[in-house]
């Protein structure tokens, strides 16, 4: 009986050490992760299941390549709708070479099933080549790795200023297309 008691105490000690290590690592990161509860009976469809402040989240592909990450001042998770509503959002979408498109916006929505991200309100972005973008909305399709907008867009790089309506950025092909009403103003 004493031997079983010693084994139990040893296992309890190991469990305490592991829990302490996890807590210390979490405190060191200083980030609150989005917690997804699986109890469908908890919470109503119109109210968030979890509400957090200062949120950070990222995703990687099967090759452990970071595809995107996001930071938000606040997040509200709605399990029934499979979405997270975000406020004051920064999204970084990574290219294959590790450089990133950075996009800031007033509010956003993350779909927990598709991993797609939509943002609205005073969108400001920057590309790895120091090109800046301003628009009112953007949509990131995670499966296709494409960023799109149908709104008016303004782009600036050095002395070149472009305007247009609608844009597609294909991250796999590393191709940017302005869809219509394109105007360019530049200086040498």
C-alpha atoms as a PDB file:
ATOM      1  CA  UNK A   1       0.000   0.000   0.000  1.00  0.00           C
ATOM      2  CA  UNK A   2       2.886   2.374   0.767  1.00  0.00           C
ATOM      3  CA  UNK A   3       4.398   1.785  -2.663  1.00  0.00           C
ATOM      4  CA  UNK A   4       1.112   2.751  -4.398  1.00  0.00           C
ATOM      5  CA  UNK A   5       0.922   5.849  -2.212  1.00  0.00           C
ATOM      6  CA  UNK A   6       4.476   6.871  -3.201  1.00  0.00           C
ATOM      7  CA  UNK A   7       3.659   6.374  -6.890  1.00  0.00           C
ATOM      8  CA  UNK A   8       0.535   8.523  -6.525  1.00  0.00           C
ATOM      9  CA  UNK A   9       2.506  11.259  -4.761  1.00  0.00           C
ATOM     10  CA  UNK A  10       5.208  11.145  -7.451  1.00  0.00           C
ATOM     11  CA  UNK A  11       2.588  11.423 -10.209  1.00  0.00           C
ATOM     12  CA  UNK A  12       0.888  14.280  -8.362  1.00  0.00           C
ATOM     13  CA  UNK A  13       4.238  16.070  -8.041  1.00  0.00           C
ATOM     14  CA  UNK A  14       4.928  15.660 -11.772  1.00  0.00           C
ATOM     15  CA  UNK A  15       1.437  16.991 -12.596  1.00  0.00           C
ATOM     16  CA  UNK A  16       2.011  20.058 -10.388  1.00  0.00           C
ATOM     17  CA  UNK A  17       5.366  20.737 -12.094  1.00  0.00           C
ATOM     18  CA  UNK A  18       3.796  20.464 -15.574  1.00  0.00           C
ATOM     19  CA  UNK A  19       0.893  22.750 -14.644  1.00  0.00           C
ATOM     20  CA  UNK A  20       3.301  25.287 -13.132  1.00  0.00           C
ATOM     21  CA  UNK A  21       5.457  25.224 -16.288  1.00  0.00           C
ATOM     22  CA  UNK A  22       2.405  25.773 -18.534  1.00  0.00           C
ATOM     23  CA  UNK A  23       1.197  28.690 -16.385  1.00  0.00           C
ATOM     24  CA  UNK A  24       4.650  30.305 -16.383  1.00  0.00           C
ATOM     25  CA  UNK A  25       4.941  29.972 -20.167  1.00  0.00           C
ATOM     26  CA  UNK A  26       1.461  31.466 -20.627  1.00  0.00           C
ATOM     27  CA  UNK A  27       2.308  34.403 -18.356  1.00  0.00           C
ATOM     28  CA  UNK A  28       5.571  34.928 -20.208  1.00  0.00           C
ATOM     29  CA  UNK A  29       3.768  35.160 -23.572  1.00  0.00           C
ATOM     30  CA  UNK A  30       1.357  37.785 -22.154  1.00  0.00           C
ATOM     31  CA  UNK A  31      -1.229  36.867 -24.752  1.00  0.00           C
ATOM     32  CA  UNK A  32      -4.737  35.678 -24.205  1.00  0.00           C
ATOM     33  CA  UNK A  33      -5.747  32.941 -26.612  1.00  0.00           C
ATOM     34  CA  UNK A  34      -9.200  32.535 -28.015  1.00  0.00           C
ATOM     35  CA  UNK A  35     -10.849  29.798 -25.973  1.00  0.00           C
ATOM     36  CA  UNK A  36     -13.466  27.779 -27.791  1.00  0.00           C
ATOM     37  CA  UNK A  37     -15.967  25.992 -25.556  1.00  0.00           C
ATOM     38  CA  UNK A  38     -17.605  22.873 -26.921  1.00  0.00           C
ATOM     39  CA  UNK A  39     -20.758  22.865 -24.776  1.00  0.00           C
ATOM     40  CA  UNK A  40     -23.525  23.829 -27.239  1.00  0.00           C
ATOM     41  CA  UNK A  41     -26.037  24.331 -24.423  1.00  0.00           C
ATOM     42  CA  UNK A  42     -24.019  27.148 -22.831  1.00  0.00           C
ATOM     43  CA  UNK A  43     -24.840  30.679 -24.031  1.00  0.00           C
ATOM     44  CA  UNK A  44     -27.506  32.017 -26.338  1.00  0.00           C
ATOM     45  CA  UNK A  45     -27.100  32.409 -30.093  1.00  0.00           C
ATOM     46  CA  UNK A  46     -27.138  36.206 -29.846  1.00  0.00           C
ATOM     47  CA  UNK A  47     -24.616  36.567 -27.042  1.00  0.00           C
ATOM     48  CA  UNK A  48     -20.907  35.749 -27.147  1.00  0.00           C
ATOM     49  CA  UNK A  49     -19.713  32.587 -25.436  1.00  0.00           C
ATOM     50  CA  UNK A  50     -16.306  34.112 -24.673  1.00  0.00           C
ATOM     51  CA  UNK A  51     -15.211  37.749 -24.634  1.00  0.00           C
ATOM     52  CA  UNK A  52     -11.504  38.581 -24.372  1.00  0.00           C
ATOM     53  CA  UNK A  53      -9.222  41.623 -24.380  1.00  0.00           C
ATOM     54  CA  UNK A  54      -5.799  41.893 -26.105  1.00  0.00           C
ATOM     55  CA  UNK A  55      -6.100  38.806 -28.296  1.00  0.00           C
ATOM     56  CA  UNK A  56      -3.416  37.220 -30.496  1.00  0.00           C
ATOM     57  CA  UNK A  57      -3.985  34.271 -32.830  1.00  0.00           C
ATOM     58  CA  UNK A  58      -2.092  32.670 -35.710  1.00  0.00           C
ATOM     59  CA  UNK A  59      -2.266  29.727 -38.050  1.00  0.00           C
ATOM     60  CA  UNK A  60       0.336  27.580 -39.791  1.00  0.00           C
ATOM     61  CA  UNK A  61       0.068  25.126 -42.663  1.00  0.00           C
ATOM     62  CA  UNK A  62       1.105  21.450 -42.701  1.00  0.00           C
ATOM     63  CA  UNK A  63       4.741  22.448 -43.382  1.00  0.00           C
ATOM     64  CA  UNK A  64       4.712  24.611 -40.218  1.00  0.00           C
ATOM     65  CA  UNK A  65       4.822  27.772 -42.368  1.00  0.00           C
ATOM     66  CA  UNK A  66       3.048  30.672 -40.637  1.00  0.00           C
ATOM     67  CA  UNK A  67       0.253  31.711 -42.995  1.00  0.00           C
ATOM     68  CA  UNK A  68      -1.205  34.601 -40.984  1.00  0.00           C
ATOM     69  CA  UNK A  69      -1.564  36.041 -37.524  1.00  0.00           C
ATOM     70  CA  UNK A  70      -3.841  38.599 -35.992  1.00  0.00           C
ATOM     71  CA  UNK A  71      -3.972  40.843 -32.969  1.00  0.00           C
ATOM     72  CA  UNK A  72      -7.074  42.588 -31.678  1.00  0.00           C
ATOM     73  CA  UNK A  73      -7.939  44.866 -28.793  1.00  0.00           C
ATOM     74  CA  UNK A  74     -11.017  42.726 -28.092  1.00  0.00           C
ATOM     75  CA  UNK A  75     -12.725  39.583 -29.373  1.00  0.00           C
ATOM     76  CA  UNK A  76     -16.130  37.998 -28.888  1.00  0.00           C
ATOM     77  CA  UNK A  77     -16.608  34.343 -29.826  1.00  0.00           C
ATOM     78  CA  UNK A  78     -19.999  33.149 -31.098  1.00  0.00           C
ATOM     79  CA  UNK A  79     -19.912  29.346 -31.225  1.00  0.00           C
ATOM     80  CA  UNK A  80     -23.257  28.833 -32.992  1.00  0.00           C
ATOM     81  CA  UNK A  81     -22.211  31.171 -35.816  1.00  0.00           C
ATOM     82  CA  UNK A  82     -18.608  29.872 -35.877  1.00  0.00           C
ATOM     83  CA  UNK A  83     -17.259  33.398 -35.793  1.00  0.00           C
ATOM     84  CA  UNK A  84     -15.159  35.718 -33.683  1.00  0.00           C
ATOM     85  CA  UNK A  85     -15.928  39.454 -33.841  1.00  0.00           C
ATOM     86  CA  UNK A  86     -12.806  41.586 -33.461  1.00  0.00           C
ATOM     87  CA  UNK A  87     -12.179  45.261 -32.642  1.00  0.00           C
ATOM     88  CA  UNK A  88      -9.086  47.322 -33.488  1.00  0.00           C
ATOM     89  CA  UNK A  89      -7.483  44.576 -35.596  1.00  0.00           C
ATOM     90  CA  UNK A  90      -4.010  44.022 -37.072  1.00  0.00           C
ATOM     91  CA  UNK A  91      -3.616  41.104 -39.501  1.00  0.00           C
ATOM     92  CA  UNK A  92      -0.319  39.940 -41.007  1.00  0.00           C
ATOM     93  CA  UNK A  93      -0.610  37.616 -44.011  1.00  0.00           C
ATOM     94  CA  UNK A  94       2.717  35.951 -44.805  1.00  0.00           C
ATOM     95  CA  UNK A  95       4.241  35.378 -48.230  1.00  0.00           C
ATOM     96  CA  UNK A  96       6.269  32.217 -48.965  1.00  0.00           C
ATOM     97  CA  UNK A  97       9.523  34.162 -48.352  1.00  0.00           C
ATOM     98  CA  UNK A  98       8.382  35.070 -44.807  1.00  0.00           C
ATOM     99  CA  UNK A  99       7.651  38.755 -45.476  1.00  0.00           C
ATOM    100  CA  UNK A 100       4.149  39.931 -44.655  1.00  0.00           C
ATOM    101  CA  UNK A 101       1.308  42.145 -45.753  1.00  0.00           C
ATOM    102  CA  UNK A 102       0.165  44.116 -42.689  1.00  0.00           C
ATOM    103  CA  UNK A 103      -3.452  45.243 -42.584  1.00  0.00           C
ATOM    104  CA  UNK A 104      -5.113  47.349 -39.858  1.00  0.00           C
ATOM    105  CA  UNK A 105      -8.806  48.007 -39.474  1.00  0.00           C
ATOM    106  CA  UNK A 106     -11.470  49.174 -37.071  1.00  0.00           C
ATOM    107  CA  UNK A 107     -13.367  45.883 -36.856  1.00  0.00           C
ATOM    108  CA  UNK A 108     -13.214  42.387 -38.220  1.00  0.00           C
ATOM    109  CA  UNK A 109     -14.685  38.932 -38.263  1.00  0.00           C
ATOM    110  CA  UNK A 110     -12.840  35.613 -38.146  1.00  0.00           C
ATOM    111  CA  UNK A 111     -14.621  32.440 -39.272  1.00  0.00           C
ATOM    112  CA  UNK A 112     -13.453  29.595 -37.016  1.00  0.00           C
ATOM    113  CA  UNK A 113     -14.436  26.932 -39.552  1.00  0.00           C
ATOM    114  CA  UNK A 114     -12.973  28.355 -42.801  1.00  0.00           C
ATOM    115  CA  UNK A 115     -10.239  30.543 -41.182  1.00  0.00           C
ATOM    116  CA  UNK A 116     -11.337  33.414 -43.442  1.00  0.00           C
ATOM    117  CA  UNK A 117     -10.980  36.985 -42.167  1.00  0.00           C
ATOM    118  CA  UNK A 118     -13.077  40.021 -43.113  1.00  0.00           C
ATOM    119  CA  UNK A 119     -12.279  43.566 -41.949  1.00  0.00           C
ATOM    120  CA  UNK A 120     -14.124  46.884 -42.194  1.00  0.00           C
ATOM    121  CA  UNK A 121     -13.517  50.509 -41.368  1.00  0.00           C
ATOM    122  CA  UNK A 122     -10.492  52.658 -42.199  1.00  0.00           C
ATOM    123  CA  UNK A 123      -8.370  49.826 -43.586  1.00  0.00           C
ATOM    124  CA  UNK A 124      -4.679  50.711 -43.835  1.00  0.00           C
ATOM    125  CA  UNK A 125      -2.170  48.249 -45.152  1.00  0.00           C
ATOM    126  CA  UNK A 126       1.466  47.974 -46.072  1.00  0.00           C
ATOM    127  CA  UNK A 127       3.206  45.545 -48.378  1.00  0.00           C
ATOM    128  CA  UNK A 128       6.723  44.150 -48.015  1.00  0.00           C
ATOM    129  CA  UNK A 129       7.976  46.607 -50.698  1.00  0.00           C
ATOM    130  CA  UNK A 130       6.740  49.644 -48.651  1.00  0.00           C
ATOM    131  CA  UNK A 131       3.643  50.164 -50.806  1.00  0.00           C
ATOM    132  CA  UNK A 132       0.758  51.461 -48.678  1.00  0.00           C
ATOM    133  CA  UNK A 133      -2.920  50.758 -49.254  1.00  0.00           C
ATOM    134  CA  UNK A 134      -6.058  52.511 -47.999  1.00  0.00           C
ATOM    135  CA  UNK A 135      -9.610  51.190 -48.431  1.00  0.00           C
ATOM    136  CA  UNK A 136     -12.766  50.548 -46.405  1.00  0.00           C
ATOM    137  CA  UNK A 137     -12.877  46.742 -46.351  1.00  0.00           C
ATOM    138  CA  UNK A 138     -10.933  43.613 -47.200  1.00  0.00           C
ATOM    139  CA  UNK A 139     -11.552  39.891 -47.241  1.00  0.00           C
ATOM    140  CA  UNK A 140      -8.923  37.168 -46.826  1.00  0.00           C
ATOM    141  CA  UNK A 141      -9.842  33.758 -48.287  1.00  0.00           C
ATOM    142  CA  UNK A 142      -7.676  31.290 -46.354  1.00  0.00           C
ATOM    143  CA  UNK A 143      -8.158  28.299 -48.698  1.00  0.00           C
ATOM    144  CA  UNK A 144      -7.301  30.291 -51.840  1.00  0.00           C
ATOM    145  CA  UNK A 145      -4.731  32.582 -50.084  1.00  0.00           C
ATOM    146  CA  UNK A 146      -6.281  35.621 -51.761  1.00  0.00           C
ATOM    147  CA  UNK A 147      -6.948  39.113 -50.354  1.00  0.00           C
ATOM    148  CA  UNK A 148      -9.794  41.027 -52.044  1.00  0.00           C
ATOM    149  CA  UNK A 149     -11.807  44.223 -51.781  1.00  0.00           C
ATOM    150  CA  UNK A 150     -14.614  45.655 -53.914  1.00  0.00           C
ATOM    151  CA  UNK A 151     -14.249  49.147 -52.439  1.00  0.00           C
ATOM    152  CA  UNK A 152     -12.321  52.149 -53.682  1.00  0.00           C
ATOM    153  CA  UNK A 153      -8.613  51.625 -53.119  1.00  0.00           C
ATOM    154  CA  UNK A 154      -5.676  54.019 -52.933  1.00  0.00           C
ATOM    155  CA  UNK A 155      -2.089  52.831 -53.233  1.00  0.00           C
ATOM    156  CA  UNK A 156       1.105  54.825 -52.672  1.00  0.00           C
ATOM    157  CA  UNK A 157       4.706  53.879 -53.329  1.00  0.00           C
ATOM    158  CA  UNK A 158       7.324  56.582 -53.436  1.00  0.00           C
ATOM    159  CA  UNK A 159       6.086  59.214 -55.889  1.00  0.00           C
ATOM    160  CA  UNK A 160       3.523  56.922 -57.545  1.00  0.00           C
ATOM    161  CA  UNK A 161      -0.120  57.148 -56.483  1.00  0.00           C
ATOM    162  CA  UNK A 162      -2.722  54.674 -57.821  1.00  0.00           C
ATOM    163  CA  UNK A 163      -6.481  54.693 -57.353  1.00  0.00           C
ATOM    164  CA  UNK A 164      -9.056  52.167 -58.433  1.00  0.00           C
ATOM    165  CA  UNK A 165     -12.167  50.234 -57.551  1.00  0.00           C
ATOM    166  CA  UNK A 166     -11.596  46.688 -56.325  1.00  0.00           C
ATOM    167  CA  UNK A 167      -8.386  44.715 -55.873  1.00  0.00           C
ATOM    168  CA  UNK A 168      -7.163  41.115 -55.744  1.00  0.00           C
ATOM    169  CA  UNK A 169      -3.853  40.032 -54.205  1.00  0.00           C
ATOM    170  CA  UNK A 170      -2.971  36.418 -54.959  1.00  0.00           C
ATOM    171  CA  UNK A 171      -0.406  35.453 -52.333  1.00  0.00           C
ATOM    172  CA  UNK A 172       0.606  32.200 -54.036  1.00  0.00           C
ATOM    173  CA  UNK A 173       1.277  33.846 -57.419  1.00  0.00           C
ATOM    174  CA  UNK A 174       2.454  37.091 -55.726  1.00  0.00           C
ATOM    175  CA  UNK A 175       0.244  39.079 -58.094  1.00  0.00           C
ATOM    176  CA  UNK A 176      -1.759  42.262 -57.403  1.00  0.00           C
ATOM    177  CA  UNK A 177      -4.607  43.310 -59.708  1.00  0.00           C
ATOM    178  CA  UNK A 178      -6.650  46.526 -59.561  1.00  0.00           C
ATOM    179  CA  UNK A 179     -10.069  45.730 -61.043  1.00  0.00           C
ATOM    180  CA  UNK A 180     -11.449  48.996 -62.440  1.00  0.00           C
ATOM    181  CA  UNK A 181     -11.349  52.797 -62.811  1.00  0.00           C
ATOM    182  CA  UNK A 182      -7.582  52.773 -62.386  1.00  0.00           C
ATOM    183  CA  UNK A 183      -5.880  56.154 -62.262  1.00  0.00           C
ATOM    184  CA  UNK A 184      -2.162  56.717 -61.788  1.00  0.00           C
ATOM    185  CA  UNK A 185      -0.341  59.900 -60.815  1.00  0.00           C
ATOM    186  CA  UNK A 186       3.407  59.905 -60.476  1.00  0.00           C
ATOM    187  CA  UNK A 187       6.516  61.985 -60.451  1.00  0.00           C
ATOM    188  CA  UNK A 188      10.036  61.157 -61.539  1.00  0.00           C
END
